[in-house]
């Protein structure tokens, strides 16, 4: 799915729900990613990075999001990659 299609899909979610739904839609549409990358996509849809991380943590507790592995951030540090279940 391309970036425009992801944005359209996420905008549909915005009309019908919460930041938690937006975060889950991003992970479903864009695939596994670190919180760093999740913040990028969330901010494009009007959700702050801090809110996106918090909603992702809630989704982990609910079992809707799970770790997918470890990736390197642009600064070289390791980070957990998250995926929608």
PDB file of N, CA and C in Angstrom:
ATOM      1  N   UNK A   1       0.848  -1.167   0.000  1.00  0.00           N
ATOM      2  CA  UNK A   1       0.000   0.000   0.000  1.00  0.00           C
ATOM      3  C   UNK A   1       0.901   1.240   0.000  1.00  0.00           C
ATOM      4  N   UNK A   2       0.596   2.200  -0.849  1.00  0.00           N
ATOM      5  CA  UNK A   2       1.424   3.404  -0.915  1.00  0.00           C
ATOM      6  C   UNK A   2       1.034   4.412   0.167  1.00  0.00           C
ATOM      7  N   UNK A   3       1.834   5.452   0.299  1.00  0.00           N
ATOM      8  CA  UNK A   3       1.630   6.441   1.365  1.00  0.00           C
ATOM      9  C   UNK A   3       0.277   7.133   1.248  1.00  0.00           C
ATOM     10  N   UNK A   4      -0.159   7.448   0.040  1.00  0.00           N
ATOM     11  CA  UNK A   4      -1.447   8.125  -0.128  1.00  0.00           C
ATOM     12  C   UNK A   4      -2.595   7.212   0.288  1.00  0.00           C
ATOM     13  N   UNK A   5      -2.507   5.943  -0.081  1.00  0.00           N
ATOM     14  CA  UNK A   5      -3.555   4.997   0.315  1.00  0.00           C
ATOM     15  C   UNK A   5      -3.575   4.818   1.823  1.00  0.00           C
ATOM     16  N   UNK A   6      -2.396   4.793   2.436  1.00  0.00           N
ATOM     17  CA  UNK A   6      -2.313   4.682   3.902  1.00  0.00           C
ATOM     18  C   UNK A   6      -2.979   5.885   4.553  1.00  0.00           C
ATOM     19  N   UNK A   7      -2.692   7.069   4.041  1.00  0.00           N
ATOM     20  CA  UNK A   7      -3.278   8.284   4.601  1.00  0.00           C
ATOM     21  C   UNK A   7      -4.792   8.282   4.455  1.00  0.00           C
ATOM     22  N   UNK A   8      -5.282   7.859   3.291  1.00  0.00           N
ATOM     23  CA  UNK A   8      -6.736   7.806   3.084  1.00  0.00           C
ATOM     24  C   UNK A   8      -7.381   6.833   4.057  1.00  0.00           C
ATOM     25  N   UNK A   9      -6.778   5.659   4.221  1.00  0.00           N
ATOM     26  CA  UNK A   9      -7.312   4.651   5.135  1.00  0.00           C
ATOM     27  C   UNK A   9      -7.310   5.158   6.575  1.00  0.00           C
ATOM     28  N   UNK A  10      -6.240   5.784   6.975  1.00  0.00           N
ATOM     29  CA  UNK A  10      -6.149   6.309   8.336  1.00  0.00           C
ATOM     30  C   UNK A  10      -7.144   7.444   8.557  1.00  0.00           C
ATOM     31  N   UNK A  11      -7.356   8.295   7.539  1.00  0.00           N
ATOM     32  CA  UNK A  11      -8.325   9.392   7.677  1.00  0.00           C
ATOM     33  C   UNK A  11      -9.724   8.849   7.907  1.00  0.00           C
ATOM     34  N   UNK A  12     -10.069   7.719   7.237  1.00  0.00           N
ATOM     35  CA  UNK A  12     -11.369   7.089   7.471  1.00  0.00           C
ATOM     36  C   UNK A  12     -11.494   6.711   8.941  1.00  0.00           C
ATOM     37  N   UNK A  13     -10.417   6.191   9.501  1.00  0.00           N
ATOM     38  CA  UNK A  13     -10.408   5.797  10.898  1.00  0.00           C
ATOM     39  C   UNK A  13     -10.591   7.005  11.801  1.00  0.00           C
ATOM     40  N   UNK A  14      -9.975   8.124  11.449  1.00  0.00           N
ATOM     41  CA  UNK A  14     -10.072   9.339  12.266  1.00  0.00           C
ATOM     42  C   UNK A  14     -11.525   9.765  12.394  1.00  0.00           C
ATOM     43  N   UNK A  15     -12.269   9.669  11.317  1.00  0.00           N
ATOM     44  CA  UNK A  15     -13.665  10.094  11.338  1.00  0.00           C
ATOM     45  C   UNK A  15     -14.488   9.243  12.294  1.00  0.00           C
ATOM     46  N   UNK A  16     -14.076   8.016  12.513  1.00  0.00           N
ATOM     47  CA  UNK A  16     -14.892   7.087  13.281  1.00  0.00           C
ATOM     48  C   UNK A  16     -14.303   6.673  14.620  1.00  0.00           C
ATOM     49  N   UNK A  17     -13.201   7.264  15.051  1.00  0.00           N
ATOM     50  CA  UNK A  17     -12.659   6.758  16.294  1.00  0.00           C
ATOM     51  C   UNK A  17     -11.520   7.541  16.889  1.00  0.00           C
ATOM     52  N   UNK A  18     -10.790   6.835  17.658  1.00  0.00           N
ATOM     53  CA  UNK A  18      -9.788   7.412  18.539  1.00  0.00           C
ATOM     54  C   UNK A  18      -8.367   7.303  17.997  1.00  0.00           C
ATOM     55  N   UNK A  19      -7.457   7.882  18.750  1.00  0.00           N
ATOM     56  CA  UNK A  19      -6.035   7.789  18.402  1.00  0.00           C
ATOM     57  C   UNK A  19      -5.571   6.333  18.423  1.00  0.00           C
ATOM     58  N   UNK A  20      -6.149   5.533  19.284  1.00  0.00           N
ATOM     59  CA  UNK A  20      -5.781   4.122  19.342  1.00  0.00           C
ATOM     60  C   UNK A  20      -6.088   3.445  18.003  1.00  0.00           C
ATOM     61  N   UNK A  21      -7.222   3.777  17.431  1.00  0.00           N
ATOM     62  CA  UNK A  21      -7.591   3.208  16.127  1.00  0.00           C
ATOM     63  C   UNK A  21      -6.659   3.695  15.028  1.00  0.00           C
ATOM     64  N   UNK A  22      -6.240   4.942  15.120  1.00  0.00           N
ATOM     65  CA  UNK A  22      -5.318   5.490  14.126  1.00  0.00           C
ATOM     66  C   UNK A  22      -3.986   4.744  14.178  1.00  0.00           C
ATOM     67  N   UNK A  23      -3.462   4.563  15.385  1.00  0.00           N
ATOM     68  CA  UNK A  23      -2.185   3.863  15.548  1.00  0.00           C
ATOM     69  C   UNK A  23      -2.290   2.434  15.007  1.00  0.00           C
ATOM     70  N   UNK A  24      -3.372   1.752  15.325  1.00  0.00           N
ATOM     71  CA  UNK A  24      -3.549   0.386  14.840  1.00  0.00           C
ATOM     72  C   UNK A  24      -3.661   0.366  13.314  1.00  0.00           C
ATOM     73  N   UNK A  25      -4.371   1.325  12.743  1.00  0.00           N
ATOM     74  CA  UNK A  25      -4.496   1.396  11.285  1.00  0.00           C
ATOM     75  C   UNK A  25      -3.147   1.637  10.626  1.00  0.00           C
ATOM     76  N   UNK A  26      -2.331   2.497  11.218  1.00  0.00           N
ATOM     77  CA  UNK A  26      -0.996   2.753  10.662  1.00  0.00           C
ATOM     78  C   UNK A  26      -0.187   1.457  10.648  1.00  0.00           C
ATOM     79  N   UNK A  27      -0.187   0.739  11.758  1.00  0.00           N
ATOM     80  CA  UNK A  27       0.591  -0.504  11.827  1.00  0.00           C
ATOM     81  C   UNK A  27       0.056  -1.558  10.876  1.00  0.00           C
ATOM     82  N   UNK A  28      -1.253  -1.610  10.697  1.00  0.00           N
ATOM     83  CA  UNK A  28      -1.830  -2.579   9.752  1.00  0.00           C
ATOM     84  C   UNK A  28      -1.492  -2.217   8.317  1.00  0.00           C
ATOM     85  N   UNK A  29      -1.559  -0.939   7.994  1.00  0.00           N
ATOM     86  CA  UNK A  29      -1.332  -0.490   6.613  1.00  0.00           C
ATOM     87  C   UNK A  29       0.137  -0.407   6.228  1.00  0.00           C
ATOM     88  N   UNK A  30       0.975   0.029   7.151  1.00  0.00           N
ATOM     89  CA  UNK A  30       2.376   0.268   6.845  1.00  0.00           C
ATOM     90  C   UNK A  30       3.289  -0.862   7.274  1.00  0.00           C
ATOM     91  N   UNK A  31       2.775  -1.799   8.078  1.00  0.00           N
ATOM     92  CA  UNK A  31       3.594  -2.922   8.522  1.00  0.00           C
ATOM     93  C   UNK A  31       4.395  -2.600   9.768  1.00  0.00           C
ATOM     94  N   UNK A  32       5.220  -3.548  10.201  1.00  0.00           N
ATOM     95  CA  UNK A  32       5.998  -3.367  11.429  1.00  0.00           C
ATOM     96  C   UNK A  32       6.889  -2.126  11.371  1.00  0.00           C
ATOM     97  N   UNK A  33       7.000  -1.443  12.518  1.00  0.00           N
ATOM     98  CA  UNK A  33       7.852  -0.252  12.599  1.00  0.00           C
ATOM     99  C   UNK A  33       8.160   0.072  14.046  1.00  0.00           C
ATOM    100  N   UNK A  34       9.203   0.854  14.234  1.00  0.00           N
ATOM    101  CA  UNK A  34       9.589   1.328  15.562  1.00  0.00           C
ATOM    102  C   UNK A  34       8.668   2.471  15.981  1.00  0.00           C
ATOM    103  N   UNK A  35       8.704   2.825  17.260  1.00  0.00           N
ATOM    104  CA  UNK A  35       7.949   3.985  17.731  1.00  0.00           C
ATOM    105  C   UNK A  35       8.395   5.244  16.989  1.00  0.00           C
ATOM    106  N   UNK A  36       9.679   5.332  16.687  1.00  0.00           N
ATOM    107  CA  UNK A  36      10.215   6.488  15.963  1.00  0.00           C
ATOM    108  C   UNK A  36       9.481   6.669  14.631  1.00  0.00           C
ATOM    109  N   UNK A  37       9.340   5.597  13.881  1.00  0.00           N
ATOM    110  CA  UNK A  37       8.656   5.656  12.578  1.00  0.00           C
ATOM    111  C   UNK A  37       7.152   5.838  12.767  1.00  0.00           C
ATOM    112  N   UNK A  38       6.591   5.197  13.794  1.00  0.00           N
ATOM    113  CA  UNK A  38       5.169   5.341  14.092  1.00  0.00           C
ATOM    114  C   UNK A  38       4.827   6.805  14.376  1.00  0.00           C
ATOM    115  N   UNK A  39       5.692   7.480  15.113  1.00  0.00           N
ATOM    116  CA  UNK A  39       5.485   8.902  15.403  1.00  0.00           C
ATOM    117  C   UNK A  39       5.420   9.715  14.113  1.00  0.00           C
ATOM    118  N   UNK A  40       6.287   9.401  13.172  1.00  0.00           N
ATOM    119  CA  UNK A  40       6.312  10.116  11.894  1.00  0.00           C
ATOM    120  C   UNK A  40       4.949  10.023  11.206  1.00  0.00           C
ATOM    121  N   UNK A  41       4.436   8.800  11.071  1.00  0.00           N
ATOM    122  CA  UNK A  41       3.157   8.609  10.387  1.00  0.00           C
ATOM    123  C   UNK A  41       2.005   9.195  11.183  1.00  0.00           C
ATOM    124  N   UNK A  42       2.026   9.036  12.506  1.00  0.00           N
ATOM    125  CA  UNK A  42       0.947   9.556  13.352  1.00  0.00           C
ATOM    126  C   UNK A  42       0.876  11.080  13.264  1.00  0.00           C
ATOM    127  N   UNK A  43       2.021  11.736  13.294  1.00  0.00           N
ATOM    128  CA  UNK A  43       2.040  13.196  13.234  1.00  0.00           C
ATOM    129  C   UNK A  43       1.494  13.710  11.908  1.00  0.00           C
ATOM    130  N   UNK A  44       1.673  12.948  10.850  1.00  0.00           N
ATOM    131  CA  UNK A  44       1.098  13.332   9.554  1.00  0.00           C
ATOM    132  C   UNK A  44      -0.421  13.310   9.590  1.00  0.00           C
ATOM    133  N   UNK A  45      -0.966  12.570  10.566  1.00  0.00           N
ATOM    134  CA  UNK A  45      -2.423  12.446  10.695  1.00  0.00           C
ATOM    135  C   UNK A  45      -2.961  13.216  11.894  1.00  0.00           C
ATOM    136  N   UNK A  46      -2.126  14.080  12.474  1.00  0.00           N
ATOM    137  CA  UNK A  46      -2.588  14.932  13.546  1.00  0.00           C
ATOM    138  C   UNK A  46      -2.514  14.347  14.947  1.00  0.00           C
ATOM    139  N   UNK A  47      -1.801  13.239  15.121  1.00  0.00           N
ATOM    140  CA  UNK A  47      -1.624  12.621  16.438  1.00  0.00           C
ATOM    141  C   UNK A  47      -0.190  12.890  16.885  1.00  0.00           C
ATOM    142  N   UNK A  48      -0.007  13.426  18.084  1.00  0.00           N
ATOM    143  CA  UNK A  48       1.355  13.720  18.544  1.00  0.00           C
ATOM    144  C   UNK A  48       2.138  12.425  18.745  1.00  0.00           C
ATOM    145  N   UNK A  49       3.450  12.540  18.700  1.00  0.00           N
ATOM    146  CA  UNK A  49       4.303  11.377  18.913  1.00  0.00           C
ATOM    147  C   UNK A  49       4.092  10.764  20.281  1.00  0.00           C
ATOM    148  N   UNK A  50       3.953  11.612  21.284  1.00  0.00           N
ATOM    149  CA  UNK A  50       3.731  11.136  22.641  1.00  0.00           C
ATOM    150  C   UNK A  50       2.427  10.349  22.743  1.00  0.00           C
ATOM    151  N   UNK A  51       1.390  10.843  22.120  1.00  0.00           N
ATOM    152  CA  UNK A  51       0.104  10.146  22.132  1.00  0.00           C
ATOM    153  C   UNK A  51       0.193   8.827  21.367  1.00  0.00           C
ATOM    154  N   UNK A  52       0.896   8.841  20.251  1.00  0.00           N
ATOM    155  CA  UNK A  52       1.036   7.620  19.447  1.00  0.00           C
ATOM    156  C   UNK A  52       1.741   6.523  20.245  1.00  0.00           C
ATOM    157  N   UNK A  53       2.808   6.875  20.977  1.00  0.00           N
ATOM    158  CA  UNK A  53       3.524   5.885  21.791  1.00  0.00           C
ATOM    159  C   UNK A  53       2.622   5.355  22.907  1.00  0.00           C
ATOM    160  N   UNK A  54       1.877   6.241  23.527  1.00  0.00           N
ATOM    161  CA  UNK A  54       0.971   5.822  24.595  1.00  0.00           C
ATOM    162  C   UNK A  54      -0.123   4.899  24.093  1.00  0.00           C
ATOM    163  N   UNK A  55      -0.691   5.235  22.941  1.00  0.00           N
ATOM    164  CA  UNK A  55      -1.745   4.389  22.386  1.00  0.00           C
ATOM    165  C   UNK A  55      -1.177   3.043  21.936  1.00  0.00           C
ATOM    166  N   UNK A  56       0.060   3.043  21.412  1.00  0.00           N
ATOM    167  CA  UNK A  56       0.698   1.774  21.034  1.00  0.00           C
ATOM    168  C   UNK A  56       0.887   0.900  22.266  1.00  0.00           C
ATOM    169  N   UNK A  57       1.311   1.482  23.380  1.00  0.00           N
ATOM    170  CA  UNK A  57       1.486   0.725  24.625  1.00  0.00           C
ATOM    171  C   UNK A  57       0.156   0.134  25.087  1.00  0.00           C
ATOM    172  N   UNK A  58      -0.923   0.889  24.972  1.00  0.00           N
ATOM    173  CA  UNK A  58      -2.246   0.373  25.334  1.00  0.00           C
ATOM    174  C   UNK A  58      -2.631  -0.790  24.432  1.00  0.00           C
ATOM    175  N   UNK A  59      -2.330  -0.670  23.137  1.00  0.00           N
ATOM    176  CA  UNK A  59      -2.647  -1.752  22.196  1.00  0.00           C
ATOM    177  C   UNK A  59      -1.835  -3.008  22.489  1.00  0.00           C
ATOM    178  N   UNK A  60      -0.608  -2.840  22.980  1.00  0.00           N
ATOM    179  CA  UNK A  60       0.201  -3.998  23.385  1.00  0.00           C
ATOM    180  C   UNK A  60      -0.489  -4.706  24.552  1.00  0.00           C
ATOM    181  N   UNK A  61      -0.933  -3.945  25.548  1.00  0.00           N
ATOM    182  CA  UNK A  61      -1.609  -4.528  26.711  1.00  0.00           C
ATOM    183  C   UNK A  61      -2.893  -5.246  26.313  1.00  0.00           C
ATOM    184  N   UNK A  62      -3.573  -4.739  25.281  1.00  0.00           N
ATOM    185  CA  UNK A  62      -4.804  -5.364  24.799  1.00  0.00           C
ATOM    186  C   UNK A  62      -4.543  -6.573  23.899  1.00  0.00           C
ATOM    187  N   UNK A  63      -3.290  -6.758  23.489  1.00  0.00           N
ATOM    188  CA  UNK A  63      -2.947  -7.882  22.628  1.00  0.00           C
ATOM    189  C   UNK A  63      -3.126  -7.614  21.143  1.00  0.00           C
ATOM    190  N   UNK A  64      -3.393  -6.349  20.769  1.00  0.00           N
ATOM    191  CA  UNK A  64      -3.574  -6.005  19.361  1.00  0.00           C
ATOM    192  C   UNK A  64      -2.273  -5.699  18.642  1.00  0.00           C
ATOM    193  N   UNK A  65      -1.214  -5.438  19.414  1.00  0.00           N
ATOM    194  CA  UNK A  65       0.105  -5.131  18.855  1.00  0.00           C
ATOM    195  C   UNK A  65       1.136  -5.957  19.611  1.00  0.00           C
ATOM    196  N   UNK A  66       2.100  -6.499  18.855  1.00  0.00           N
ATOM    197  CA  UNK A  66       3.155  -7.323  19.455  1.00  0.00           C
ATOM    198  C   UNK A  66       4.511  -6.916  18.901  1.00  0.00           C
ATOM    199  N   UNK A  67       5.580  -7.233  19.640  1.00  0.00           N
ATOM    200  CA  UNK A  67       6.921  -6.958  19.114  1.00  0.00           C
ATOM    201  C   UNK A  67       7.184  -7.791  17.858  1.00  0.00           C
ATOM    202  N   UNK A  68       7.865  -7.197  16.896  1.00  0.00           N
ATOM    203  CA  UNK A  68       8.179  -7.896  15.649  1.00  0.00           C
ATOM    204  C   UNK A  68       9.677  -8.116  15.489  1.00  0.00           C
ATOM    205  N   UNK A  69      10.469  -7.561  16.386  1.00  0.00           N
ATOM    206  CA  UNK A  69      11.917  -7.686  16.278  1.00  0.00           C
ATOM    207  C   UNK A  69      12.585  -6.408  16.725  1.00  0.00           C
ATOM    208  N   UNK A  70      13.849  -6.296  16.368  1.00  0.00           N
ATOM    209  CA  UNK A  70      14.639  -5.114  16.734  1.00  0.00           C
ATOM    210  C   UNK A  70      15.161  -4.476  15.457  1.00  0.00           C
ATOM    211  N   UNK A  71      15.075  -3.152  15.393  1.00  0.00           N
ATOM    212  CA  UNK A  71      15.589  -2.386  14.251  1.00  0.00           C
ATOM    213  C   UNK A  71      16.554  -1.334  14.778  1.00  0.00           C
ATOM    214  N   UNK A  72      17.295  -0.720  13.885  1.00  0.00           N
ATOM    215  CA  UNK A  72      18.211   0.364  14.261  1.00  0.00           C
ATOM    216  C   UNK A  72      17.571   1.700  13.897  1.00  0.00           C
ATOM    217  N   UNK A  73      17.612   2.623  14.828  1.00  0.00           N
ATOM    218  CA  UNK A  73      17.132   3.980  14.583  1.00  0.00           C
ATOM    219  C   UNK A  73      18.170   4.734  13.755  1.00  0.00           C
ATOM    220  N   UNK A  74      17.801   5.884  13.189  1.00  0.00           N
ATOM    221  CA  UNK A  74      18.768   6.661  12.402  1.00  0.00           C
ATOM    222  C   UNK A  74      20.042   6.998  13.179  1.00  0.00           C
ATOM    223  N   UNK A  75      19.948   7.095  14.506  1.00  0.00           N
ATOM    224  CA  UNK A  75      21.141   7.400  15.306  1.00  0.00           C
ATOM    225  C   UNK A  75      21.950   6.151  15.653  1.00  0.00           C
ATOM    226  N   UNK A  76      21.515   4.984  15.155  1.00  0.00           N
ATOM    227  CA  UNK A  76      22.236   3.738  15.368  1.00  0.00           C
ATOM    228  C   UNK A  76      21.798   2.939  16.578  1.00  0.00           C
ATOM    229  N   UNK A  77      20.936   3.503  17.410  1.00  0.00           N
ATOM    230  CA  UNK A  77      20.490   2.797  18.605  1.00  0.00           C
ATOM    231  C   UNK A  77      19.430   1.759  18.248  1.00  0.00           C
ATOM    232  N   UNK A  78      19.400   0.639  18.981  1.00  0.00           N
ATOM    233  CA  UNK A  78      18.375  -0.376  18.719  1.00  0.00           C
ATOM    234  C   UNK A  78      17.013   0.054  19.256  1.00  0.00           C
ATOM    235  N   UNK A  79      15.955  -0.402  18.585  1.00  0.00           N
ATOM    236  CA  UNK A  79      14.587  -0.119  19.018  1.00  0.00           C
ATOM    237  C   UNK A  79      13.709  -1.303  18.657  1.00  0.00           C
ATOM    238  N   UNK A  80      12.676  -1.516  19.439  1.00  0.00           N
ATOM    239  CA  UNK A  80      11.729  -2.587  19.152  1.00  0.00           C
ATOM    240  C   UNK A  80      10.861  -2.161  17.953  1.00  0.00           C
ATOM    241  N   UNK A  81      10.660  -3.106  17.066  1.00  0.00           N
ATOM    242  CA  UNK A  81       9.741  -2.915  15.954  1.00  0.00           C
ATOM    243  C   UNK A  81       8.411  -3.539  16.362  1.00  0.00           C
ATOM    244  N   UNK A  82       7.301  -2.845  16.114  1.00  0.00           N
ATOM    245  CA  UNK A  82       5.974  -3.302  16.530  1.00  0.00           C
ATOM    246  C   UNK A  82       5.130  -3.676  15.326  1.00  0.00           C
ATOM    247  N   UNK A  83       4.254  -4.665  15.495  1.00  0.00           N
ATOM    248  CA  UNK A  83       3.359  -5.088  14.405  1.00  0.00           C
ATOM    249  C   UNK A  83       1.953  -5.267  14.939  1.00  0.00           C
ATOM    250  N   UNK A  84       0.974  -5.041  14.075  1.00  0.00           N
ATOM    251  CA  UNK A  84      -0.420  -5.293  14.406  1.00  0.00           C
ATOM    252  C   UNK A  84      -0.675  -6.796  14.329  1.00  0.00           C
ATOM    253  N   UNK A  85      -1.510  -7.280  15.219  1.00  0.00           N
ATOM    254  CA  UNK A  85      -1.835  -8.715  15.235  1.00  0.00           C
ATOM    255  C   UNK A  85      -3.102  -8.949  14.439  1.00  0.00           C
TER     256      UNK A  85
END
